Amino acid sequence: MNMHNTIGNIKFKKTLGQNFLFDSVLLAGIVDDSELSNDDVVLEIGAGAGTLTMALAKKAKTVIAVEIDHELEPYLNRSLIGINNVQVLFANVMKLSDSEINALTAGEFKIVSNIPYYLTTPLIMRFLESSLPLKSMTLTVQLEVAKRLTAKPNTPDYGAITLALKMRGEAVIKRIINKEQFHPKPKVDSAVVHLQIKDDIPTAKNQSVLCKFIRAGFAMRRKTLLNNIVPTFNISRMDALEVITSCGLDANIRGEALSLNDYIMLSDRLTEIVKVL
């Protein structure tokens, strides 16, 4: 059989973005990147062939593996036999409610996932914007996405998703994974990104205004911040200018030049000057 379509009895589905890892040393390294202890509950999104699931089970207290592909059930049942701290749920994690996830994890948990490329941003935002007791996320993503998640201001990769992570903690790239390590082989290299959720992240007076402000800052990257926030908040140019300059920022500054603290300062000032929802 063609290695790029099947391994053993596993048939890879391009529509589900399935790219599996089998190198035991690499899998152990990803577990180390996850900074797990034997008291941790892990939510693994995408059990796939079960190789990472087995590696996680050696370290964590409990692994709850959510897999969308029901056809993998007989394979996972065989590969995970005798491993008593793993629960496999065949479901679409994006359709699980917070209460359903809370029922599965029964408290604080960590996410570890080799995310299908097409699901990366929606999945990250689904958990970051929830009130679930999430402790960390360790995600294998496309290298170019990893660069966006960990980018610095005034760089091409810096964007709203970077700040979404910054609002919850600090994201770092733990390792680069060559595309040759995956089966089937994707077109690009990947990276493991670890986000440690922190409790002491600065917050805005109105978090919804902050999120809206951040989205506005990157809405049209070639436009100045001033020109982006006027239509977003339906405010006058004079009010927008007052918000920016009263924070000690240049009137022509662009959104990609601002740190999270800058955005918090600006959104707080906007809340003071203009009645916004």
C-alpha atoms as a PDB file:
ATOM      1  CA  MET A   1       0.000   0.000   0.000  1.00  0.00           C
ATOM      2  CA  ASN A   2       1.035   3.588  -0.561  1.00  0.00           C
ATOM      3  CA  MET A   3       2.651   4.995   2.612  1.00  0.00           C
ATOM      4  CA  HIS A   4       1.118   8.379   1.880  1.00  0.00           C
ATOM      5  CA  ASN A   5      -2.429   6.962   1.980  1.00  0.00           C
ATOM      6  CA  THR A   6      -2.272   4.173   4.546  1.00  0.00           C
ATOM      7  CA  ILE A   7      -0.144   2.724   7.340  1.00  0.00           C
ATOM      8  CA  GLY A   8      -1.285  -0.690   8.466  1.00  0.00           C
ATOM      9  CA  ASN A   9      -5.057  -0.460   8.634  1.00  0.00           C
ATOM     10  CA  ILE A  10      -5.151   3.340   8.949  1.00  0.00           C
ATOM     11  CA  LYS A  11      -6.494   5.233   5.974  1.00  0.00           C
ATOM     12  CA  PHE A  12      -5.592   8.908   6.101  1.00  0.00           C
ATOM     13  CA  LYS A  13      -8.270  11.446   5.310  1.00  0.00           C
ATOM     14  CA  LYS A  14      -7.148  14.702   3.757  1.00  0.00           C
ATOM     15  CA  THR A  15     -10.531  16.257   4.557  1.00  0.00           C
ATOM     16  CA  LEU A  16      -9.779  15.854   8.280  1.00  0.00           C
ATOM     17  CA  GLY A  17      -6.209  17.138   7.968  1.00  0.00           C
ATOM     18  CA  GLN A  18      -4.793  13.878   9.294  1.00  0.00           C
ATOM     19  CA  ASN A  19      -0.998  13.833   9.622  1.00  0.00           C
ATOM     20  CA  PHE A  20       0.248  11.392  12.263  1.00  0.00           C
ATOM     21  CA  LEU A  21       3.502  11.114  14.230  1.00  0.00           C
ATOM     22  CA  PHE A  22       5.070   7.743  15.007  1.00  0.00           C
ATOM     23  CA  ASP A  23       8.603   8.546  16.239  1.00  0.00           C
ATOM     24  CA  SER A  24       8.660   7.532  19.919  1.00  0.00           C
ATOM     25  CA  VAL A  25      11.525   9.881  20.808  1.00  0.00           C
ATOM     26  CA  LEU A  26       9.730  12.839  19.226  1.00  0.00           C
ATOM     27  CA  LEU A  27       6.450  11.926  20.934  1.00  0.00           C
ATOM     28  CA  ALA A  28       8.215  11.740  24.311  1.00  0.00           C
ATOM     29  CA  GLY A  29       9.697  15.155  23.549  1.00  0.00           C
ATOM     30  CA  ILE A  30       6.238  16.625  22.909  1.00  0.00           C
ATOM     31  CA  VAL A  31       5.093  15.216  26.250  1.00  0.00           C
ATOM     32  CA  ASP A  32       8.068  16.959  27.887  1.00  0.00           C
ATOM     33  CA  ASP A  33       7.118  20.171  26.058  1.00  0.00           C
ATOM     34  CA  SER A  34       3.660  19.878  27.649  1.00  0.00           C
ATOM     35  CA  GLU A  35       5.175  20.190  31.148  1.00  0.00           C
ATOM     36  CA  LEU A  36       2.890  17.520  32.580  1.00  0.00           C
ATOM     37  CA  SER A  37       2.869  16.060  36.053  1.00  0.00           C
ATOM     38  CA  ASN A  38       1.282  12.818  37.207  1.00  0.00           C
ATOM     39  CA  ASP A  39      -1.575  14.839  38.721  1.00  0.00           C
ATOM     40  CA  ASP A  40      -2.623  16.383  35.400  1.00  0.00           C
ATOM     41  CA  VAL A  41      -5.738  15.687  33.382  1.00  0.00           C
ATOM     42  CA  VAL A  42      -5.041  16.031  29.657  1.00  0.00           C
ATOM     43  CA  LEU A  43      -7.567  16.765  26.948  1.00  0.00           C
ATOM     44  CA  GLU A  44      -6.035  15.473  23.730  1.00  0.00           C
ATOM     45  CA  ILE A  45      -7.788  16.819  20.654  1.00  0.00           C
ATOM     46  CA  GLY A  46      -7.379  14.381  17.784  1.00  0.00           C
ATOM     47  CA  ALA A  47      -6.211  10.995  19.052  1.00  0.00           C
ATOM     48  CA  GLY A  48      -5.327   9.928  15.516  1.00  0.00           C
ATOM     49  CA  ALA A  49      -3.330   6.711  15.594  1.00  0.00           C
ATOM     50  CA  GLY A  50      -3.070   6.884  19.402  1.00  0.00           C
ATOM     51  CA  THR A  51       0.706   7.290  19.423  1.00  0.00           C
ATOM     52  CA  LEU A  52       0.707  10.600  21.306  1.00  0.00           C
ATOM     53  CA  THR A  53      -2.161   9.338  23.471  1.00  0.00           C
ATOM     54  CA  MET A  54       0.006   6.451  24.689  1.00  0.00           C
ATOM     55  CA  ALA A  55       2.950   8.752  25.359  1.00  0.00           C
ATOM     56  CA  LEU A  56       0.737  11.162  27.327  1.00  0.00           C
ATOM     57  CA  ALA A  57      -0.735   8.307  29.363  1.00  0.00           C
ATOM     58  CA  LYS A  58       2.727   7.435  30.688  1.00  0.00           C
ATOM     59  CA  LYS A  59       3.020  10.889  32.266  1.00  0.00           C
ATOM     60  CA  ALA A  60      -0.461  12.226  33.033  1.00  0.00           C
ATOM     61  CA  LYS A  61      -3.025  11.125  35.598  1.00  0.00           C
ATOM     62  CA  THR A  62      -5.775  10.889  32.978  1.00  0.00           C
ATOM     63  CA  VAL A  63      -5.970  11.405  29.210  1.00  0.00           C
ATOM     64  CA  ILE A  64      -9.302  12.210  27.589  1.00  0.00           C
ATOM     65  CA  ALA A  65      -8.777  11.827  23.852  1.00  0.00           C
ATOM     66  CA  VAL A  66     -11.428  13.320  21.576  1.00  0.00           C
ATOM     67  CA  GLU A  67     -11.360  11.984  18.025  1.00  0.00           C
ATOM     68  CA  ILE A  68     -13.715  12.968  15.201  1.00  0.00           C
ATOM     69  CA  ASP A  69     -12.989   9.988  12.929  1.00  0.00           C
ATOM     70  CA  HIS A  70     -15.142   7.028  14.011  1.00  0.00           C
ATOM     71  CA  GLU A  71     -13.314   4.757  11.575  1.00  0.00           C
ATOM     72  CA  LEU A  72     -10.265   4.898  13.859  1.00  0.00           C
ATOM     73  CA  GLU A  73     -12.196   3.285  16.726  1.00  0.00           C
ATOM     74  CA  PRO A  74     -11.131  -0.364  16.137  1.00  0.00           C
ATOM     75  CA  TYR A  75      -7.509   0.710  15.630  1.00  0.00           C
ATOM     76  CA  LEU A  76      -7.477   2.804  18.828  1.00  0.00           C
ATOM     77  CA  ASN A  77      -9.202   0.042  20.789  1.00  0.00           C
ATOM     78  CA  ARG A  78      -6.356  -2.294  19.861  1.00  0.00           C
ATOM     79  CA  SER A  79      -3.490   0.161  20.364  1.00  0.00           C
ATOM     80  CA  LEU A  80      -4.750   1.428  23.726  1.00  0.00           C
ATOM     81  CA  ILE A  81      -5.666  -1.946  25.198  1.00  0.00           C
ATOM     82  CA  GLY A  82      -4.412  -2.332  28.768  1.00  0.00           C
ATOM     83  CA  ILE A  83      -3.946   1.431  29.255  1.00  0.00           C
ATOM     84  CA  ASN A  84      -6.375   2.237  32.047  1.00  0.00           C
ATOM     85  CA  ASN A  85      -5.994   6.003  32.346  1.00  0.00           C
ATOM     86  CA  VAL A  86      -7.219   6.848  28.832  1.00  0.00           C
ATOM     87  CA  GLN A  87     -10.788   7.624  27.832  1.00  0.00           C
ATOM     88  CA  VAL A  88     -11.541   7.983  24.111  1.00  0.00           C
ATOM     89  CA  LEU A  89     -14.569   9.981  23.005  1.00  0.00           C
ATOM     90  CA  PHE A  90     -15.560   9.955  19.352  1.00  0.00           C
ATOM     91  CA  ALA A  91     -16.955  13.428  18.799  1.00  0.00           C
ATOM     92  CA  ASN A  92     -16.296  16.808  17.202  1.00  0.00           C
ATOM     93  CA  VAL A  93     -14.640  18.799  19.985  1.00  0.00           C
ATOM     94  CA  MET A  94     -15.875  22.043  18.433  1.00  0.00           C
ATOM     95  CA  LYS A  95     -19.443  20.923  19.068  1.00  0.00           C
ATOM     96  CA  LEU A  96     -18.910  20.053  22.732  1.00  0.00           C
ATOM     97  CA  SER A  97     -20.258  22.610  25.195  1.00  0.00           C
ATOM     98  CA  ASP A  98     -18.300  23.930  28.160  1.00  0.00           C
ATOM     99  CA  SER A  99     -20.501  21.875  30.487  1.00  0.00           C
ATOM    100  CA  GLU A 100     -19.805  18.700  28.479  1.00  0.00           C
ATOM    101  CA  ILE A 101     -16.049  19.351  28.618  1.00  0.00           C
ATOM    102  CA  ASN A 102     -16.255  20.093  32.343  1.00  0.00           C
ATOM    103  CA  ALA A 103     -18.044  16.784  32.836  1.00  0.00           C
ATOM    104  CA  LEU A 104     -15.221  14.993  31.019  1.00  0.00           C
ATOM    105  CA  THR A 105     -12.296  16.708  32.728  1.00  0.00           C
ATOM    106  CA  ALA A 106     -13.879  17.159  36.186  1.00  0.00           C
ATOM    107  CA  GLY A 107     -11.794  20.242  36.932  1.00  0.00           C
ATOM    108  CA  GLU A 108      -8.535  21.789  35.745  1.00  0.00           C
ATOM    109  CA  PHE A 109      -6.975  20.321  32.617  1.00  0.00           C
ATOM    110  CA  LYS A 110      -4.269  20.799  30.012  1.00  0.00           C
ATOM    111  CA  ILE A 111      -4.725  20.559  26.259  1.00  0.00           C
ATOM    112  CA  VAL A 112      -2.213  18.685  24.124  1.00  0.00           C
ATOM    113  CA  SER A 113      -2.981  18.372  20.438  1.00  0.00           C
ATOM    114  CA  ASN A 114      -1.546  17.768  17.006  1.00  0.00           C
ATOM    115  CA  ILE A 115      -4.139  20.082  15.478  1.00  0.00           C
ATOM    116  CA  PRO A 116      -5.475  19.572  11.964  1.00  0.00           C
ATOM    117  CA  TYR A 117      -4.180  22.614  10.101  1.00  0.00           C
ATOM    118  CA  TYR A 118      -7.611  23.814   8.999  1.00  0.00           C
ATOM    119  CA  LEU A 119      -8.865  23.883  12.602  1.00  0.00           C
ATOM    120  CA  THR A 120      -5.975  25.722  14.271  1.00  0.00           C
ATOM    121  CA  THR A 121      -7.362  29.224  14.815  1.00  0.00           C
ATOM    122  CA  PRO A 122     -10.991  28.255  15.540  1.00  0.00           C
ATOM    123  CA  LEU A 123      -9.877  25.642  18.054  1.00  0.00           C
ATOM    124  CA  ILE A 124      -7.463  27.955  19.848  1.00  0.00           C
ATOM    125  CA  MET A 125     -10.047  30.735  20.073  1.00  0.00           C
ATOM    126  CA  ARG A 126     -12.792  28.348  21.203  1.00  0.00           C
ATOM    127  CA  PHE A 127     -10.801  27.485  24.328  1.00  0.00           C
ATOM    128  CA  LEU A 128      -9.144  30.844  24.964  1.00  0.00           C
ATOM    129  CA  GLU A 129     -12.500  32.635  24.923  1.00  0.00           C
ATOM    130  CA  SER A 130     -14.149  30.086  27.231  1.00  0.00           C
ATOM    131  CA  SER A 131     -14.337  30.130  31.019  1.00  0.00           C
ATOM    132  CA  LEU A 132     -13.063  26.560  31.250  1.00  0.00           C
ATOM    133  CA  PRO A 133     -10.366  25.838  33.908  1.00  0.00           C
ATOM    134  CA  LEU A 134      -7.614  25.464  31.315  1.00  0.00           C
ATOM    135  CA  LYS A 135      -4.029  25.392  32.648  1.00  0.00           C
ATOM    136  CA  SER A 136      -2.017  25.207  29.414  1.00  0.00           C
ATOM    137  CA  MET A 137      -2.142  24.399  25.716  1.00  0.00           C
ATOM    138  CA  THR A 138       0.606  22.492  23.897  1.00  0.00           C
ATOM    139  CA  LEU A 139      -0.135  22.488  20.197  1.00  0.00           C
ATOM    140  CA  THR A 140       1.601  21.044  17.163  1.00  0.00           C
ATOM    141  CA  VAL A 141       0.813  23.492  14.372  1.00  0.00           C
ATOM    142  CA  GLN A 142       2.212  24.645  11.043  1.00  0.00           C
ATOM    143  CA  LEU A 143       5.511  26.471  11.547  1.00  0.00           C
ATOM    144  CA  GLU A 144       4.162  29.648   9.950  1.00  0.00           C
ATOM    145  CA  VAL A 145       1.222  29.580  12.381  1.00  0.00           C
ATOM    146  CA  ALA A 146       3.584  29.011  15.320  1.00  0.00           C
ATOM    147  CA  LYS A 147       5.453  32.149  14.284  1.00  0.00           C
ATOM    148  CA  ARG A 148       2.192  34.116  14.322  1.00  0.00           C
ATOM    149  CA  LEU A 149       1.231  32.788  17.740  1.00  0.00           C
ATOM    150  CA  THR A 150       4.564  33.865  19.249  1.00  0.00           C
ATOM    151  CA  ALA A 151       5.305  37.000  17.176  1.00  0.00           C
ATOM    152  CA  LYS A 152       6.570  40.331  18.489  1.00  0.00           C
ATOM    153  CA  PRO A 153       5.082  43.759  17.658  1.00  0.00           C
ATOM    154  CA  ASN A 154       6.191  45.390  14.394  1.00  0.00           C
ATOM    155  CA  THR A 155       6.814  42.051  12.675  1.00  0.00           C
ATOM    156  CA  PRO A 156       4.841  40.666   9.706  1.00  0.00           C
ATOM    157  CA  ASP A 157       3.593  37.673  11.726  1.00  0.00           C
ATOM    158  CA  TYR A 158       2.163  39.785  14.567  1.00  0.00           C
ATOM    159  CA  GLY A 159      -1.619  39.876  14.591  1.00  0.00           C
ATOM    160  CA  ALA A 160      -4.874  39.534  16.504  1.00  0.00           C
ATOM    161  CA  ILE A 161      -4.274  35.834  17.221  1.00  0.00           C
ATOM    162  CA  THR A 162      -0.911  36.720  18.814  1.00  0.00           C
ATOM    163  CA  LEU A 163      -2.656  39.060  21.223  1.00  0.00           C
ATOM    164  CA  ALA A 164      -5.444  36.556  21.896  1.00  0.00           C
ATOM    165  CA  LEU A 165      -2.779  34.282  23.371  1.00  0.00           C
ATOM    166  CA  LYS A 166      -1.081  37.175  25.156  1.00  0.00           C
ATOM    167  CA  MET A 167      -4.380  37.904  26.910  1.00  0.00           C
ATOM    168  CA  ARG A 168      -4.182  34.483  28.581  1.00  0.00           C
ATOM    169  CA  GLY A 169      -0.467  33.811  29.006  1.00  0.00           C
ATOM    170  CA  GLU A 170       2.889  33.463  27.305  1.00  0.00           C
ATOM    171  CA  ALA A 171       3.337  31.340  24.182  1.00  0.00           C
ATOM    172  CA  VAL A 172       6.728  29.923  23.215  1.00  0.00           C
ATOM    173  CA  ILE A 173       7.939  27.635  20.424  1.00  0.00           C
ATOM    174  CA  LYS A 174       9.342  24.498  22.027  1.00  0.00           C
ATOM    175  CA  ARG A 175      10.596  22.638  18.951  1.00  0.00           C
ATOM    176  CA  ILE A 176      10.479  22.526  15.169  1.00  0.00           C
ATOM    177  CA  ILE A 177       9.241  19.304  13.556  1.00  0.00           C
ATOM    178  CA  ASN A 178      10.415  18.502  10.059  1.00  0.00           C
ATOM    179  CA  LYS A 179       7.616  17.585   7.659  1.00  0.00           C
ATOM    180  CA  GLU A 180       9.417  14.263   6.993  1.00  0.00           C
ATOM    181  CA  GLN A 181       8.399  13.137  10.502  1.00  0.00           C
ATOM    182  CA  PHE A 182       4.707  13.010   9.622  1.00  0.00           C
ATOM    183  CA  HIS A 183       2.690  10.348   7.799  1.00  0.00           C
ATOM    184  CA  PRO A 184       1.427  11.284   5.342  1.00  0.00           C
ATOM    185  CA  LYS A 185       4.014  14.017   4.799  1.00  0.00           C
ATOM    186  CA  PRO A 186       2.517  17.539   4.745  1.00  0.00           C
ATOM    187  CA  LYS A 187       3.873  20.290   2.514  1.00  0.00           C
ATOM    188  CA  VAL A 188       5.332  22.367   5.359  1.00  0.00           C
ATOM    189  CA  ASP A 189       7.253  21.964   8.610  1.00  0.00           C
ATOM    190  CA  SER A 190       5.504  22.206  11.969  1.00  0.00           C
ATOM    191  CA  ALA A 191       6.306  23.427  15.459  1.00  0.00           C
ATOM    192  CA  VAL A 192       5.214  22.703  19.015  1.00  0.00           C
ATOM    193  CA  VAL A 193       3.870  25.803  20.759  1.00  0.00           C
ATOM    194  CA  HIS A 194       3.313  25.835  24.520  1.00  0.00           C
ATOM    195  CA  LEU A 195       0.982  28.382  26.104  1.00  0.00           C
ATOM    196  CA  GLN A 196       1.046  28.574  29.887  1.00  0.00           C
ATOM    197  CA  ILE A 197      -2.184  30.120  31.161  1.00  0.00           C
ATOM    198  CA  LYS A 198      -1.511  32.815  33.762  1.00  0.00           C
ATOM    199  CA  ASP A 199      -3.781  34.350  36.380  1.00  0.00           C
ATOM    200  CA  ASP A 200      -1.984  37.683  36.611  1.00  0.00           C
ATOM    201  CA  ILE A 201      -2.460  38.907  33.027  1.00  0.00           C
ATOM    202  CA  PRO A 202      -3.501  42.594  32.964  1.00  0.00           C
ATOM    203  CA  THR A 203      -7.140  43.121  32.016  1.00  0.00           C
ATOM    204  CA  ALA A 204      -9.093  46.015  30.548  1.00  0.00           C
ATOM    205  CA  LYS A 205     -12.008  47.822  32.152  1.00  0.00           C
ATOM    206  CA  ASN A 206     -14.174  46.305  29.438  1.00  0.00           C
ATOM    207  CA  GLN A 207     -12.820  43.100  27.930  1.00  0.00           C
ATOM    208  CA  SER A 208     -15.289  43.086  25.046  1.00  0.00           C
ATOM    209  CA  VAL A 209     -14.136  46.584  24.042  1.00  0.00           C
ATOM    210  CA  LEU A 210     -10.524  45.402  24.274  1.00  0.00           C
ATOM    211  CA  CYS A 211     -11.199  42.436  21.980  1.00  0.00           C
ATOM    212  CA  LYS A 212     -13.032  44.661  19.524  1.00  0.00           C
ATOM    213  CA  PHE A 213     -10.185  47.194  19.644  1.00  0.00           C
ATOM    214  CA  ILE A 214      -7.622  44.491  18.874  1.00  0.00           C
ATOM    215  CA  ARG A 215      -9.650  43.216  15.924  1.00  0.00           C
ATOM    216  CA  ALA A 216      -9.931  46.792  14.657  1.00  0.00           C
ATOM    217  CA  GLY A 217      -6.195  47.304  14.986  1.00  0.00           C
ATOM    218  CA  PHE A 218      -5.515  44.533  12.503  1.00  0.00           C
ATOM    219  CA  ALA A 219      -8.610  44.900  10.321  1.00  0.00           C
ATOM    220  CA  MET A 220      -6.730  46.690   7.531  1.00  0.00           C
ATOM    221  CA  ARG A 221      -3.000  46.461   8.186  1.00  0.00           C
ATOM    222  CA  ARG A 222      -2.119  49.203   5.727  1.00  0.00           C
ATOM    223  CA  LYS A 223      -4.382  51.678   7.480  1.00  0.00           C
ATOM    224  CA  THR A 224      -3.462  53.618  10.587  1.00  0.00           C
ATOM    225  CA  LEU A 225      -5.059  52.693  13.889  1.00  0.00           C
ATOM    226  CA  LEU A 226      -6.996  55.962  13.729  1.00  0.00           C
ATOM    227  CA  ASN A 227      -8.579  55.065  10.393  1.00  0.00           C
ATOM    228  CA  ASN A 228      -9.450  51.576  11.617  1.00  0.00           C
ATOM    229  CA  ILE A 229     -11.148  52.467  14.904  1.00  0.00           C
ATOM    230  CA  VAL A 230     -13.348  55.295  13.552  1.00  0.00           C
ATOM    231  CA  PRO A 231     -15.690  52.965  11.600  1.00  0.00           C
ATOM    232  CA  THR A 232     -15.348  50.062  14.061  1.00  0.00           C
ATOM    233  CA  PHE A 233     -16.677  52.043  17.008  1.00  0.00           C
ATOM    234  CA  ASN A 234     -18.707  54.537  14.950  1.00  0.00           C
ATOM    235  CA  ILE A 235     -16.936  57.473  16.616  1.00  0.00           C
ATOM    236  CA  SER A 236     -15.752  60.796  15.268  1.00  0.00           C
ATOM    237  CA  ARG A 237     -12.236  61.233  13.973  1.00  0.00           C
ATOM    238  CA  MET A 238     -11.690  63.826  16.698  1.00  0.00           C
ATOM    239  CA  ASP A 239     -12.641  61.374  19.444  1.00  0.00           C
ATOM    240  CA  ALA A 240     -10.459  58.660  17.918  1.00  0.00           C
ATOM    241  CA  LEU A 241      -7.524  61.060  17.752  1.00  0.00           C
ATOM    242  CA  GLU A 242      -8.078  62.043  21.382  1.00  0.00           C
ATOM    243  CA  VAL A 243      -8.024  58.381  22.459  1.00  0.00           C
ATOM    244  CA  ILE A 244      -4.704  57.750  20.706  1.00  0.00           C
ATOM    245  CA  THR A 245      -2.821  60.942  21.543  1.00  0.00           C
ATOM    246  CA  SER A 246      -3.981  61.025  25.186  1.00  0.00           C
ATOM    247  CA  CYS A 247      -2.225  57.683  25.595  1.00  0.00           C
ATOM    248  CA  GLY A 248       1.019  59.251  24.408  1.00  0.00           C
ATOM    249  CA  LEU A 249       0.946  57.525  21.039  1.00  0.00           C
ATOM    250  CA  ASP A 250       1.583  58.946  17.586  1.00  0.00           C
ATOM    251  CA  ALA A 251      -1.535  59.835  15.619  1.00  0.00           C
ATOM    252  CA  ASN A 252      -0.289  57.795  12.654  1.00  0.00           C
ATOM    253  CA  ILE A 253       0.585  54.640  14.572  1.00  0.00           C
ATOM    254  CA  ARG A 254      -0.537  51.302  13.139  1.00  0.00           C
ATOM    255  CA  GLY A 255      -2.102  48.432  15.044  1.00  0.00           C
ATOM    256  CA  GLU A 256       0.821  46.055  14.539  1.00  0.00           C
ATOM    257  CA  ALA A 257       3.133  48.397  16.470  1.00  0.00           C
ATOM    258  CA  LEU A 258       1.161  48.064  19.707  1.00  0.00           C
ATOM    259  CA  SER A 259       1.696  45.694  22.629  1.00  0.00           C
ATOM    260  CA  LEU A 260      -1.112  44.134  24.665  1.00  0.00           C
ATOM    261  CA  ASN A 261      -0.573  46.784  27.349  1.00  0.00           C
ATOM    262  CA  ASP A 262      -0.950  49.486  24.686  1.00  0.00           C
ATOM    263  CA  TYR A 263      -4.255  48.005  23.571  1.00  0.00           C
ATOM    264  CA  ILE A 264      -5.485  47.806  27.159  1.00  0.00           C
ATOM    265  CA  MET A 265      -4.548  51.451  27.724  1.00  0.00           C
ATOM    266  CA  LEU A 266      -6.288  52.513  24.515  1.00  0.00           C
ATOM    267  CA  SER A 267      -9.458  50.521  25.150  1.00  0.00           C
ATOM    268  CA  ASP A 268      -9.685  51.869  28.708  1.00  0.00           C
ATOM    269  CA  ARG A 269      -9.290  55.404  27.398  1.00  0.00           C
ATOM    270  CA  LEU A 270     -11.914  54.811  24.740  1.00  0.00           C
ATOM    271  CA  THR A 271     -14.292  53.528  27.428  1.00  0.00           C
ATOM    272  CA  GLU A 272     -13.717  56.737  29.402  1.00  0.00           C
ATOM    273  CA  ILE A 273     -14.146  59.153  26.486  1.00  0.00           C
ATOM    274  CA  VAL A 274     -16.920  57.498  24.486  1.00  0.00           C
ATOM    275  CA  LYS A 275     -19.868  55.371  25.484  1.00  0.00           C
ATOM    276  CA  VAL A 276     -19.144  52.122  23.631  1.00  0.00           C
ATOM    277  CA  LEU A 277     -20.698  48.666  23.752  1.00  0.00           C
END
